[in-house]
């Protein structure tokens, strides 16, 4: 069996908010969940960005479980690219990056990008005033 790690974006409704999905992924499907970012609004709608690690068959069964429970599941397979020449080093992208893929290197005060940490949440694309951050599809 192949061991994999994949990033997923989960969106859920108020009907699912009380379901222990992370526990079930770990306990019932032997997956290792790592929550990168999560939010629930006052109407109890929310999302989770996480990586799931484990056996590929268990991963597929876990994803099927999430869909059966009514969650929207999106695999994060796209990648973000950062154009150092276009970047003005303003740091706007670093302020919104939840995974710290974009950071300010000190004392130089220069923006650095580590693509291996990127969860493709697209927040940096929206924050960049000069278009130095783009989606690679």
C-alpha atoms as a PDB file:
ATOM      1  CA  UNK A   1       0.000   0.000   0.000  1.00  0.00           C
ATOM      2  CA  UNK A   2       1.174   3.513  -0.797  1.00  0.00           C
ATOM      3  CA  UNK A   3       1.598   6.085   1.971  1.00  0.00           C
ATOM      4  CA  UNK A   4       0.429   9.525   0.853  1.00  0.00           C
ATOM      5  CA  UNK A   5      -0.055  13.051   2.152  1.00  0.00           C
ATOM      6  CA  UNK A   6      -2.641  15.232   0.446  1.00  0.00           C
ATOM      7  CA  UNK A   7      -4.087  18.661   1.157  1.00  0.00           C
ATOM      8  CA  UNK A   8      -7.855  19.093   1.144  1.00  0.00           C
ATOM      9  CA  UNK A   9     -10.341  21.915   1.543  1.00  0.00           C
ATOM     10  CA  UNK A  10     -13.554  20.902   3.364  1.00  0.00           C
ATOM     11  CA  UNK A  11     -16.674  23.044   3.464  1.00  0.00           C
ATOM     12  CA  UNK A  12     -19.501  22.101   5.815  1.00  0.00           C
ATOM     13  CA  UNK A  13     -23.027  23.165   6.685  1.00  0.00           C
ATOM     14  CA  UNK A  14     -24.674  23.669  10.102  1.00  0.00           C
ATOM     15  CA  UNK A  15     -26.016  20.101   9.944  1.00  0.00           C
ATOM     16  CA  UNK A  16     -22.461  18.720  10.039  1.00  0.00           C
ATOM     17  CA  UNK A  17     -20.798  21.117  12.480  1.00  0.00           C
ATOM     18  CA  UNK A  18     -21.292  18.806  15.486  1.00  0.00           C
ATOM     19  CA  UNK A  19     -19.950  15.700  13.700  1.00  0.00           C
ATOM     20  CA  UNK A  20     -16.502  14.663  14.971  1.00  0.00           C
ATOM     21  CA  UNK A  21     -15.018  14.349  11.489  1.00  0.00           C
ATOM     22  CA  UNK A  22     -11.357  14.810  12.460  1.00  0.00           C
ATOM     23  CA  UNK A  23     -11.679  12.157  15.154  1.00  0.00           C
ATOM     24  CA  UNK A  24     -13.350   9.761  12.708  1.00  0.00           C
ATOM     25  CA  UNK A  25     -10.654  10.305  10.083  1.00  0.00           C
ATOM     26  CA  UNK A  26      -7.996   9.427  12.660  1.00  0.00           C
ATOM     27  CA  UNK A  27      -9.823   6.637  14.496  1.00  0.00           C
ATOM     28  CA  UNK A  28     -11.900   4.932  11.807  1.00  0.00           C
ATOM     29  CA  UNK A  29      -9.611   5.435   8.804  1.00  0.00           C
ATOM     30  CA  UNK A  30      -6.161   5.566  10.486  1.00  0.00           C
ATOM     31  CA  UNK A  31      -5.393   8.903   8.800  1.00  0.00           C
ATOM     32  CA  UNK A  32      -3.211  11.587  10.341  1.00  0.00           C
ATOM     33  CA  UNK A  33      -5.036  14.921  10.006  1.00  0.00           C
ATOM     34  CA  UNK A  34      -3.139  18.191  10.287  1.00  0.00           C
ATOM     35  CA  UNK A  35      -5.446  21.202  10.398  1.00  0.00           C
ATOM     36  CA  UNK A  36      -3.845  24.174   8.674  1.00  0.00           C
ATOM     37  CA  UNK A  37      -6.744  26.591   8.931  1.00  0.00           C
ATOM     38  CA  UNK A  38     -10.384  26.398   9.978  1.00  0.00           C
ATOM     39  CA  UNK A  39     -13.282  28.758  10.514  1.00  0.00           C
ATOM     40  CA  UNK A  40     -16.914  28.533  11.550  1.00  0.00           C
ATOM     41  CA  UNK A  41     -19.188  31.546  11.082  1.00  0.00           C
ATOM     42  CA  UNK A  42     -22.099  32.496  13.405  1.00  0.00           C
ATOM     43  CA  UNK A  43     -24.498  30.560  11.149  1.00  0.00           C
ATOM     44  CA  UNK A  44     -22.395  27.423  11.866  1.00  0.00           C
ATOM     45  CA  UNK A  45     -21.149  27.136   8.293  1.00  0.00           C
ATOM     46  CA  UNK A  46     -17.438  26.639   7.945  1.00  0.00           C
ATOM     47  CA  UNK A  47     -14.390  25.207   6.325  1.00  0.00           C
ATOM     48  CA  UNK A  48     -11.235  23.318   7.182  1.00  0.00           C
ATOM     49  CA  UNK A  49      -7.976  23.253   5.245  1.00  0.00           C
ATOM     50  CA  UNK A  50      -5.955  20.213   6.259  1.00  0.00           C
ATOM     51  CA  UNK A  51      -3.452  17.653   5.161  1.00  0.00           C
ATOM     52  CA  UNK A  52      -4.324  13.993   5.487  1.00  0.00           C
ATOM     53  CA  UNK A  53      -1.565  11.397   5.673  1.00  0.00           C
ATOM     54  CA  UNK A  54      -1.897   7.646   5.559  1.00  0.00           C
ATOM     55  CA  UNK A  55      -2.478   4.661   3.366  1.00  0.00           C
ATOM     56  CA  UNK A  56      -3.955   5.592  -0.026  1.00  0.00           C
ATOM     57  CA  UNK A  57      -6.901   3.182   0.351  1.00  0.00           C
ATOM     58  CA  UNK A  58      -7.704   4.600   3.813  1.00  0.00           C
ATOM     59  CA  UNK A  59      -7.458   8.120   2.366  1.00  0.00           C
ATOM     60  CA  UNK A  60      -9.988   7.255  -0.364  1.00  0.00           C
ATOM     61  CA  UNK A  61     -12.338   5.657   2.159  1.00  0.00           C
ATOM     62  CA  UNK A  62     -11.983   8.709   4.427  1.00  0.00           C
ATOM     63  CA  UNK A  63     -12.811  11.095   1.579  1.00  0.00           C
ATOM     64  CA  UNK A  64     -15.873   8.978   0.708  1.00  0.00           C
ATOM     65  CA  UNK A  65     -16.935   9.172   4.377  1.00  0.00           C
ATOM     66  CA  UNK A  66     -16.666  12.981   4.338  1.00  0.00           C
ATOM     67  CA  UNK A  67     -18.775  13.218   1.192  1.00  0.00           C
ATOM     68  CA  UNK A  68     -21.391  10.837   2.640  1.00  0.00           C
ATOM     69  CA  UNK A  69     -21.617  13.113   5.693  1.00  0.00           C
ATOM     70  CA  UNK A  70     -22.438  16.050   3.409  1.00  0.00           C
ATOM     71  CA  UNK A  71     -19.115  17.900   3.332  1.00  0.00           C
ATOM     72  CA  UNK A  72     -17.850  19.474   0.135  1.00  0.00           C
ATOM     73  CA  UNK A  73     -14.350  18.133  -0.484  1.00  0.00           C
ATOM     74  CA  UNK A  74     -11.817  19.769  -2.802  1.00  0.00           C
ATOM     75  CA  UNK A  75      -8.318  18.423  -3.331  1.00  0.00           C
ATOM     76  CA  UNK A  76      -5.714  21.175  -3.302  1.00  0.00           C
ATOM     77  CA  UNK A  77      -3.581  20.167  -6.264  1.00  0.00           C
ATOM     78  CA  UNK A  78      -2.838  23.545  -7.807  1.00  0.00           C
ATOM     79  CA  UNK A  79       0.301  25.422  -6.897  1.00  0.00           C
ATOM     80  CA  UNK A  80       1.132  29.041  -6.210  1.00  0.00           C
ATOM     81  CA  UNK A  81       4.044  30.730  -7.930  1.00  0.00           C
ATOM     82  CA  UNK A  82       5.786  33.856  -6.708  1.00  0.00           C
ATOM     83  CA  UNK A  83       7.632  36.162  -9.106  1.00  0.00           C
ATOM     84  CA  UNK A  84      10.516  37.692  -7.172  1.00  0.00           C
ATOM     85  CA  UNK A  85      11.183  40.260  -9.924  1.00  0.00           C
ATOM     86  CA  UNK A  86       7.611  41.607  -9.834  1.00  0.00           C
ATOM     87  CA  UNK A  87       7.435  41.592  -6.023  1.00  0.00           C
ATOM     88  CA  UNK A  88       7.831  45.003  -4.380  1.00  0.00           C
ATOM     89  CA  UNK A  89       8.606  43.433  -0.967  1.00  0.00           C
ATOM     90  CA  UNK A  90       5.563  45.107   0.633  1.00  0.00           C
ATOM     91  CA  UNK A  91       4.781  42.003   2.731  1.00  0.00           C
ATOM     92  CA  UNK A  92       1.009  42.117   2.191  1.00  0.00           C
ATOM     93  CA  UNK A  93       1.036  38.446   1.198  1.00  0.00           C
ATOM     94  CA  UNK A  94       2.921  37.418   4.338  1.00  0.00           C
ATOM     95  CA  UNK A  95       0.268  38.977   6.559  1.00  0.00           C
ATOM     96  CA  UNK A  96      -2.452  36.679   5.197  1.00  0.00           C
ATOM     97  CA  UNK A  97      -0.513  33.440   4.620  1.00  0.00           C
ATOM     98  CA  UNK A  98      -1.844  30.882   7.147  1.00  0.00           C
ATOM     99  CA  UNK A  99       0.843  28.265   6.436  1.00  0.00           C
ATOM    100  CA  UNK A 100       3.794  30.684   6.526  1.00  0.00           C
ATOM    101  CA  UNK A 101       4.823  29.730   2.997  1.00  0.00           C
ATOM    102  CA  UNK A 102       5.349  33.449   2.431  1.00  0.00           C
ATOM    103  CA  UNK A 103       7.455  35.106   5.116  1.00  0.00           C
ATOM    104  CA  UNK A 104       9.564  38.181   5.729  1.00  0.00           C
ATOM    105  CA  UNK A 105      13.264  37.373   6.058  1.00  0.00           C
ATOM    106  CA  UNK A 106      14.875  39.510   8.703  1.00  0.00           C
ATOM    107  CA  UNK A 107      16.936  41.654   8.995  1.00  0.00           C
ATOM    108  CA  UNK A 108      16.877  42.044   5.190  1.00  0.00           C
ATOM    109  CA  UNK A 109      13.091  42.604   5.286  1.00  0.00           C
ATOM    110  CA  UNK A 110      12.654  40.645   2.057  1.00  0.00           C
ATOM    111  CA  UNK A 111       9.780  38.351   1.123  1.00  0.00           C
ATOM    112  CA  UNK A 112      10.607  34.644   0.795  1.00  0.00           C
ATOM    113  CA  UNK A 113       8.403  31.848  -0.578  1.00  0.00           C
ATOM    114  CA  UNK A 114       8.578  28.172   0.427  1.00  0.00           C
ATOM    115  CA  UNK A 115       6.285  26.302  -1.970  1.00  0.00           C
ATOM    116  CA  UNK A 116       6.458  23.113   0.097  1.00  0.00           C
ATOM    117  CA  UNK A 117       4.502  24.864   2.885  1.00  0.00           C
ATOM    118  CA  UNK A 118       1.867  26.348   0.547  1.00  0.00           C
ATOM    119  CA  UNK A 119      -1.697  25.076   1.010  1.00  0.00           C
ATOM    120  CA  UNK A 120      -3.040  26.969  -2.031  1.00  0.00           C
ATOM    121  CA  UNK A 121      -5.645  28.918  -0.062  1.00  0.00           C
ATOM    122  CA  UNK A 122      -5.271  31.796  -2.587  1.00  0.00           C
ATOM    123  CA  UNK A 123      -5.304  34.477   0.111  1.00  0.00           C
ATOM    124  CA  UNK A 124      -1.901  35.772  -1.028  1.00  0.00           C
ATOM    125  CA  UNK A 125      -3.155  36.225  -4.585  1.00  0.00           C
ATOM    126  CA  UNK A 126      -5.933  38.484  -3.342  1.00  0.00           C
ATOM    127  CA  UNK A 127      -3.560  40.407  -1.068  1.00  0.00           C
ATOM    128  CA  UNK A 128      -0.757  41.069  -3.577  1.00  0.00           C
ATOM    129  CA  UNK A 129      -1.158  44.580  -5.009  1.00  0.00           C
ATOM    130  CA  UNK A 130       1.251  44.009  -7.933  1.00  0.00           C
ATOM    131  CA  UNK A 131       0.282  40.500  -9.072  1.00  0.00           C
ATOM    132  CA  UNK A 132       3.567  38.848  -8.062  1.00  0.00           C
ATOM    133  CA  UNK A 133       1.694  35.832  -6.684  1.00  0.00           C
ATOM    134  CA  UNK A 134      -0.205  33.678  -9.179  1.00  0.00           C
ATOM    135  CA  UNK A 135      -1.962  30.325  -9.413  1.00  0.00           C
ATOM    136  CA  UNK A 136      -0.060  27.708 -11.423  1.00  0.00           C
ATOM    137  CA  UNK A 137      -2.583  25.275 -12.859  1.00  0.00           C
END
